[in-house]
């Protein structure tokens, strides 16, 4: 199967960093990377453009890392309470989802995408849990979540 050579214009998780040359399947390039502006075809002009932006890309990465570390420090102090219906032996009807936790964080002023909340294993009982929130490839925060009877 043929692959397409692209230059990443933005960091793509599990693929590479901005400025990297990658070889991907044509469908992935055509349907995901190119329409979202995450990559461009690897041409000499694109290579020159990326080389000229290296300093800006490095500065942006440093700023994103610093912002993620600051947000992680704030999130470490946060405690959430989620009310759920439960049986007599404290088993939940359903489970606590990443979207529920992201909504609770949004109510407290933290705009976190629900896909960044990592629930492994899923929360299916009442109690106190430490939930990981992946803020940056190098930074994650732990949020204390209390699941109470609702």
C-alpha atoms as a PDB file:
ATOM      1  CA  UNK A   1       0.000   0.000   0.000  1.00  0.00           C
ATOM      2  CA  UNK A   2       1.335   3.432  -0.943  1.00  0.00           C
ATOM      3  CA  UNK A   3       2.043   6.090   1.637  1.00  0.00           C
ATOM      4  CA  UNK A   4       1.914   9.861   1.356  1.00  0.00           C
ATOM      5  CA  UNK A   5       4.734  12.118   2.586  1.00  0.00           C
ATOM      6  CA  UNK A   6       3.519  15.081   4.629  1.00  0.00           C
ATOM      7  CA  UNK A   7       5.029  17.792   6.792  1.00  0.00           C
ATOM      8  CA  UNK A   8       3.182  18.302  10.074  1.00  0.00           C
ATOM      9  CA  UNK A   9       2.152  21.913  10.649  1.00  0.00           C
ATOM     10  CA  UNK A  10       0.890  21.192  14.164  1.00  0.00           C
ATOM     11  CA  UNK A  11       1.597  18.556  16.808  1.00  0.00           C
ATOM     12  CA  UNK A  12      -0.477  15.409  16.253  1.00  0.00           C
ATOM     13  CA  UNK A  13      -0.731  12.968  19.140  1.00  0.00           C
ATOM     14  CA  UNK A  14       0.780   9.546  18.396  1.00  0.00           C
ATOM     15  CA  UNK A  15       2.100  10.765  15.028  1.00  0.00           C
ATOM     16  CA  UNK A  16       4.664  13.527  15.471  1.00  0.00           C
ATOM     17  CA  UNK A  17       5.519  17.112  16.259  1.00  0.00           C
ATOM     18  CA  UNK A  18       5.176  20.184  14.087  1.00  0.00           C
ATOM     19  CA  UNK A  19       7.918  20.241  11.463  1.00  0.00           C
ATOM     20  CA  UNK A  20       8.309  16.455  11.296  1.00  0.00           C
ATOM     21  CA  UNK A  21       8.075  14.673   7.970  1.00  0.00           C
ATOM     22  CA  UNK A  22       5.725  11.694   8.246  1.00  0.00           C
ATOM     23  CA  UNK A  23       4.537   8.941   5.927  1.00  0.00           C
ATOM     24  CA  UNK A  24       0.850   8.100   6.355  1.00  0.00           C
ATOM     25  CA  UNK A  25      -1.889   6.263   4.509  1.00  0.00           C
ATOM     26  CA  UNK A  26      -3.553   8.315   1.760  1.00  0.00           C
ATOM     27  CA  UNK A  27      -6.986   8.128   3.413  1.00  0.00           C
ATOM     28  CA  UNK A  28      -5.669   9.413   6.749  1.00  0.00           C
ATOM     29  CA  UNK A  29      -4.001  12.318   4.953  1.00  0.00           C
ATOM     30  CA  UNK A  30      -6.983  13.111   2.721  1.00  0.00           C
ATOM     31  CA  UNK A  31      -9.732  12.728   5.338  1.00  0.00           C
ATOM     32  CA  UNK A  32      -8.101  13.925   8.555  1.00  0.00           C
ATOM     33  CA  UNK A  33      -4.749  15.691   8.385  1.00  0.00           C
ATOM     34  CA  UNK A  34      -5.151  17.898   5.308  1.00  0.00           C
ATOM     35  CA  UNK A  35      -8.732  19.179   5.897  1.00  0.00           C
ATOM     36  CA  UNK A  36      -7.921  20.144   9.498  1.00  0.00           C
ATOM     37  CA  UNK A  37      -4.751  21.993   8.470  1.00  0.00           C
ATOM     38  CA  UNK A  38      -2.566  19.727  10.584  1.00  0.00           C
ATOM     39  CA  UNK A  39      -0.255  18.838   7.689  1.00  0.00           C
ATOM     40  CA  UNK A  40       0.772  19.866   4.189  1.00  0.00           C
ATOM     41  CA  UNK A  41       2.283  17.916   1.301  1.00  0.00           C
ATOM     42  CA  UNK A  42       6.040  17.574   1.560  1.00  0.00           C
ATOM     43  CA  UNK A  43       7.369  19.962  -1.070  1.00  0.00           C
ATOM     44  CA  UNK A  44      10.563  22.033  -1.056  1.00  0.00           C
ATOM     45  CA  UNK A  45       8.456  25.170  -0.454  1.00  0.00           C
ATOM     46  CA  UNK A  46       6.730  23.620   2.552  1.00  0.00           C
ATOM     47  CA  UNK A  47      10.073  22.494   3.953  1.00  0.00           C
ATOM     48  CA  UNK A  48      11.441  26.057   3.675  1.00  0.00           C
ATOM     49  CA  UNK A  49       8.290  27.436   5.326  1.00  0.00           C
ATOM     50  CA  UNK A  50       8.580  25.026   8.263  1.00  0.00           C
ATOM     51  CA  UNK A  51      12.302  25.762   8.670  1.00  0.00           C
ATOM     52  CA  UNK A  52      11.547  29.478   8.892  1.00  0.00           C
ATOM     53  CA  UNK A  53       8.894  28.808  11.553  1.00  0.00           C
ATOM     54  CA  UNK A  54      11.066  26.547  13.761  1.00  0.00           C
ATOM     55  CA  UNK A  55      11.711  29.297  16.329  1.00  0.00           C
ATOM     56  CA  UNK A  56       8.010  30.187  16.536  1.00  0.00           C
ATOM     57  CA  UNK A  57       7.054  26.531  16.898  1.00  0.00           C
ATOM     58  CA  UNK A  58       9.586  26.014  19.707  1.00  0.00           C
ATOM     59  CA  UNK A  59       8.374  29.134  21.542  1.00  0.00           C
ATOM     60  CA  UNK A  60       4.745  27.998  21.221  1.00  0.00           C
ATOM     61  CA  UNK A  61       5.640  24.549  22.597  1.00  0.00           C
ATOM     62  CA  UNK A  62       7.357  26.104  25.610  1.00  0.00           C
ATOM     63  CA  UNK A  63       4.349  28.341  26.287  1.00  0.00           C
ATOM     64  CA  UNK A  64       1.910  25.416  25.990  1.00  0.00           C
ATOM     65  CA  UNK A  65       4.026  23.365  28.399  1.00  0.00           C
ATOM     66  CA  UNK A  66       4.191  26.212  30.935  1.00  0.00           C
ATOM     67  CA  UNK A  67       0.424  26.804  30.658  1.00  0.00           C
ATOM     68  CA  UNK A  68      -0.265  23.081  31.126  1.00  0.00           C
ATOM     69  CA  UNK A  69       1.934  22.944  34.239  1.00  0.00           C
ATOM     70  CA  UNK A  70       0.162  25.970  35.724  1.00  0.00           C
ATOM     71  CA  UNK A  71      -3.262  24.452  34.998  1.00  0.00           C
ATOM     72  CA  UNK A  72      -2.149  21.115  36.496  1.00  0.00           C
ATOM     73  CA  UNK A  73      -1.203  22.897  39.723  1.00  0.00           C
ATOM     74  CA  UNK A  74      -4.670  24.486  39.897  1.00  0.00           C
ATOM     75  CA  UNK A  75      -6.458  21.218  39.065  1.00  0.00           C
ATOM     76  CA  UNK A  76      -4.567  19.339  41.798  1.00  0.00           C
ATOM     77  CA  UNK A  77      -6.506  21.385  44.373  1.00  0.00           C
ATOM     78  CA  UNK A  78      -9.928  20.710  42.816  1.00  0.00           C
ATOM     79  CA  UNK A  79     -12.431  18.282  44.333  1.00  0.00           C
ATOM     80  CA  UNK A  80     -15.571  17.370  42.417  1.00  0.00           C
ATOM     81  CA  UNK A  81     -18.776  15.825  43.716  1.00  0.00           C
ATOM     82  CA  UNK A  82     -20.974  13.862  41.321  1.00  0.00           C
ATOM     83  CA  UNK A  83     -24.378  12.605  42.464  1.00  0.00           C
ATOM     84  CA  UNK A  84     -25.445   9.275  40.967  1.00  0.00           C
ATOM     85  CA  UNK A  85     -28.214   6.768  41.541  1.00  0.00           C
ATOM     86  CA  UNK A  86     -26.896   3.632  43.226  1.00  0.00           C
ATOM     87  CA  UNK A  87     -28.062   0.278  44.577  1.00  0.00           C
ATOM     88  CA  UNK A  88     -27.985  -0.699  48.249  1.00  0.00           C
ATOM     89  CA  UNK A  89     -24.529  -2.254  47.840  1.00  0.00           C
ATOM     90  CA  UNK A  90     -23.171   1.042  46.376  1.00  0.00           C
ATOM     91  CA  UNK A  91     -23.067  -0.087  42.725  1.00  0.00           C
ATOM     92  CA  UNK A  92     -24.011   2.691  40.292  1.00  0.00           C
ATOM     93  CA  UNK A  93     -26.790   2.458  37.753  1.00  0.00           C
ATOM     94  CA  UNK A  94     -24.464   3.224  34.841  1.00  0.00           C
ATOM     95  CA  UNK A  95     -21.054   4.802  35.358  1.00  0.00           C
ATOM     96  CA  UNK A  96     -19.349   8.165  35.715  1.00  0.00           C
ATOM     97  CA  UNK A  97     -18.145   9.361  32.305  1.00  0.00           C
ATOM     98  CA  UNK A  98     -15.385  11.692  31.223  1.00  0.00           C
ATOM     99  CA  UNK A  99     -18.040  14.070  29.907  1.00  0.00           C
ATOM    100  CA  UNK A 100     -19.629  14.312  33.389  1.00  0.00           C
ATOM    101  CA  UNK A 101     -16.275  15.173  34.928  1.00  0.00           C
ATOM    102  CA  UNK A 102     -15.489  17.709  32.179  1.00  0.00           C
ATOM    103  CA  UNK A 103     -18.914  19.341  32.739  1.00  0.00           C
ATOM    104  CA  UNK A 104     -18.246  19.590  36.490  1.00  0.00           C
ATOM    105  CA  UNK A 105     -14.843  21.140  35.768  1.00  0.00           C
ATOM    106  CA  UNK A 106     -16.474  23.618  33.360  1.00  0.00           C
ATOM    107  CA  UNK A 107     -18.904  24.629  36.118  1.00  0.00           C
ATOM    108  CA  UNK A 108     -15.854  25.513  38.230  1.00  0.00           C
ATOM    109  CA  UNK A 109     -14.266  27.524  35.407  1.00  0.00           C
ATOM    110  CA  UNK A 110     -11.904  24.943  33.853  1.00  0.00           C
ATOM    111  CA  UNK A 111     -12.494  24.349  30.148  1.00  0.00           C
ATOM    112  CA  UNK A 112     -11.236  20.796  29.631  1.00  0.00           C
ATOM    113  CA  UNK A 113     -12.226  18.597  26.679  1.00  0.00           C
ATOM    114  CA  UNK A 114     -13.941  15.414  27.834  1.00  0.00           C
ATOM    115  CA  UNK A 115     -11.548  13.321  25.744  1.00  0.00           C
ATOM    116  CA  UNK A 116      -8.680  14.475  27.965  1.00  0.00           C
ATOM    117  CA  UNK A 117     -10.272  12.872  31.057  1.00  0.00           C
ATOM    118  CA  UNK A 118      -8.811   9.362  31.376  1.00  0.00           C
ATOM    119  CA  UNK A 119     -11.045   6.907  33.241  1.00  0.00           C
ATOM    120  CA  UNK A 120      -9.315   3.553  33.471  1.00  0.00           C
ATOM    121  CA  UNK A 121     -11.061   1.574  34.901  1.00  0.00           C
ATOM    122  CA  UNK A 122     -14.510   3.203  34.676  1.00  0.00           C
ATOM    123  CA  UNK A 123     -16.075   4.466  37.903  1.00  0.00           C
ATOM    124  CA  UNK A 124     -19.024   2.212  38.754  1.00  0.00           C
ATOM    125  CA  UNK A 125     -19.266   2.501  42.551  1.00  0.00           C
ATOM    126  CA  UNK A 126     -19.787   5.200  45.166  1.00  0.00           C
ATOM    127  CA  UNK A 127     -16.659   6.578  46.792  1.00  0.00           C
ATOM    128  CA  UNK A 128     -13.603   8.744  46.272  1.00  0.00           C
ATOM    129  CA  UNK A 129     -11.436   8.437  43.160  1.00  0.00           C
ATOM    130  CA  UNK A 130      -8.328  10.062  41.658  1.00  0.00           C
ATOM    131  CA  UNK A 131      -8.975  10.802  37.978  1.00  0.00           C
ATOM    132  CA  UNK A 132      -6.211  11.649  35.515  1.00  0.00           C
ATOM    133  CA  UNK A 133      -6.664  14.638  33.212  1.00  0.00           C
ATOM    134  CA  UNK A 134      -4.143  14.679  30.346  1.00  0.00           C
ATOM    135  CA  UNK A 135      -3.359  18.354  29.700  1.00  0.00           C
ATOM    136  CA  UNK A 136      -0.258  17.982  27.521  1.00  0.00           C
ATOM    137  CA  UNK A 137       1.776  15.028  26.262  1.00  0.00           C
ATOM    138  CA  UNK A 138       4.195  15.635  29.156  1.00  0.00           C
ATOM    139  CA  UNK A 139       1.751  16.940  31.793  1.00  0.00           C
ATOM    140  CA  UNK A 140      -1.226  15.351  33.479  1.00  0.00           C
ATOM    141  CA  UNK A 141      -3.134  16.322  36.605  1.00  0.00           C
ATOM    142  CA  UNK A 142      -4.984  14.303  39.216  1.00  0.00           C
ATOM    143  CA  UNK A 143      -8.476  15.477  40.151  1.00  0.00           C
ATOM    144  CA  UNK A 144     -10.260  14.126  43.222  1.00  0.00           C
ATOM    145  CA  UNK A 145     -13.793  12.976  42.363  1.00  0.00           C
ATOM    146  CA  UNK A 146     -16.362  12.062  45.012  1.00  0.00           C
ATOM    147  CA  UNK A 147     -19.225   9.925  43.725  1.00  0.00           C
ATOM    148  CA  UNK A 148     -22.158  10.281  46.112  1.00  0.00           C
ATOM    149  CA  UNK A 149     -25.660   8.895  46.267  1.00  0.00           C
ATOM    150  CA  UNK A 150     -28.023  11.192  44.398  1.00  0.00           C
END
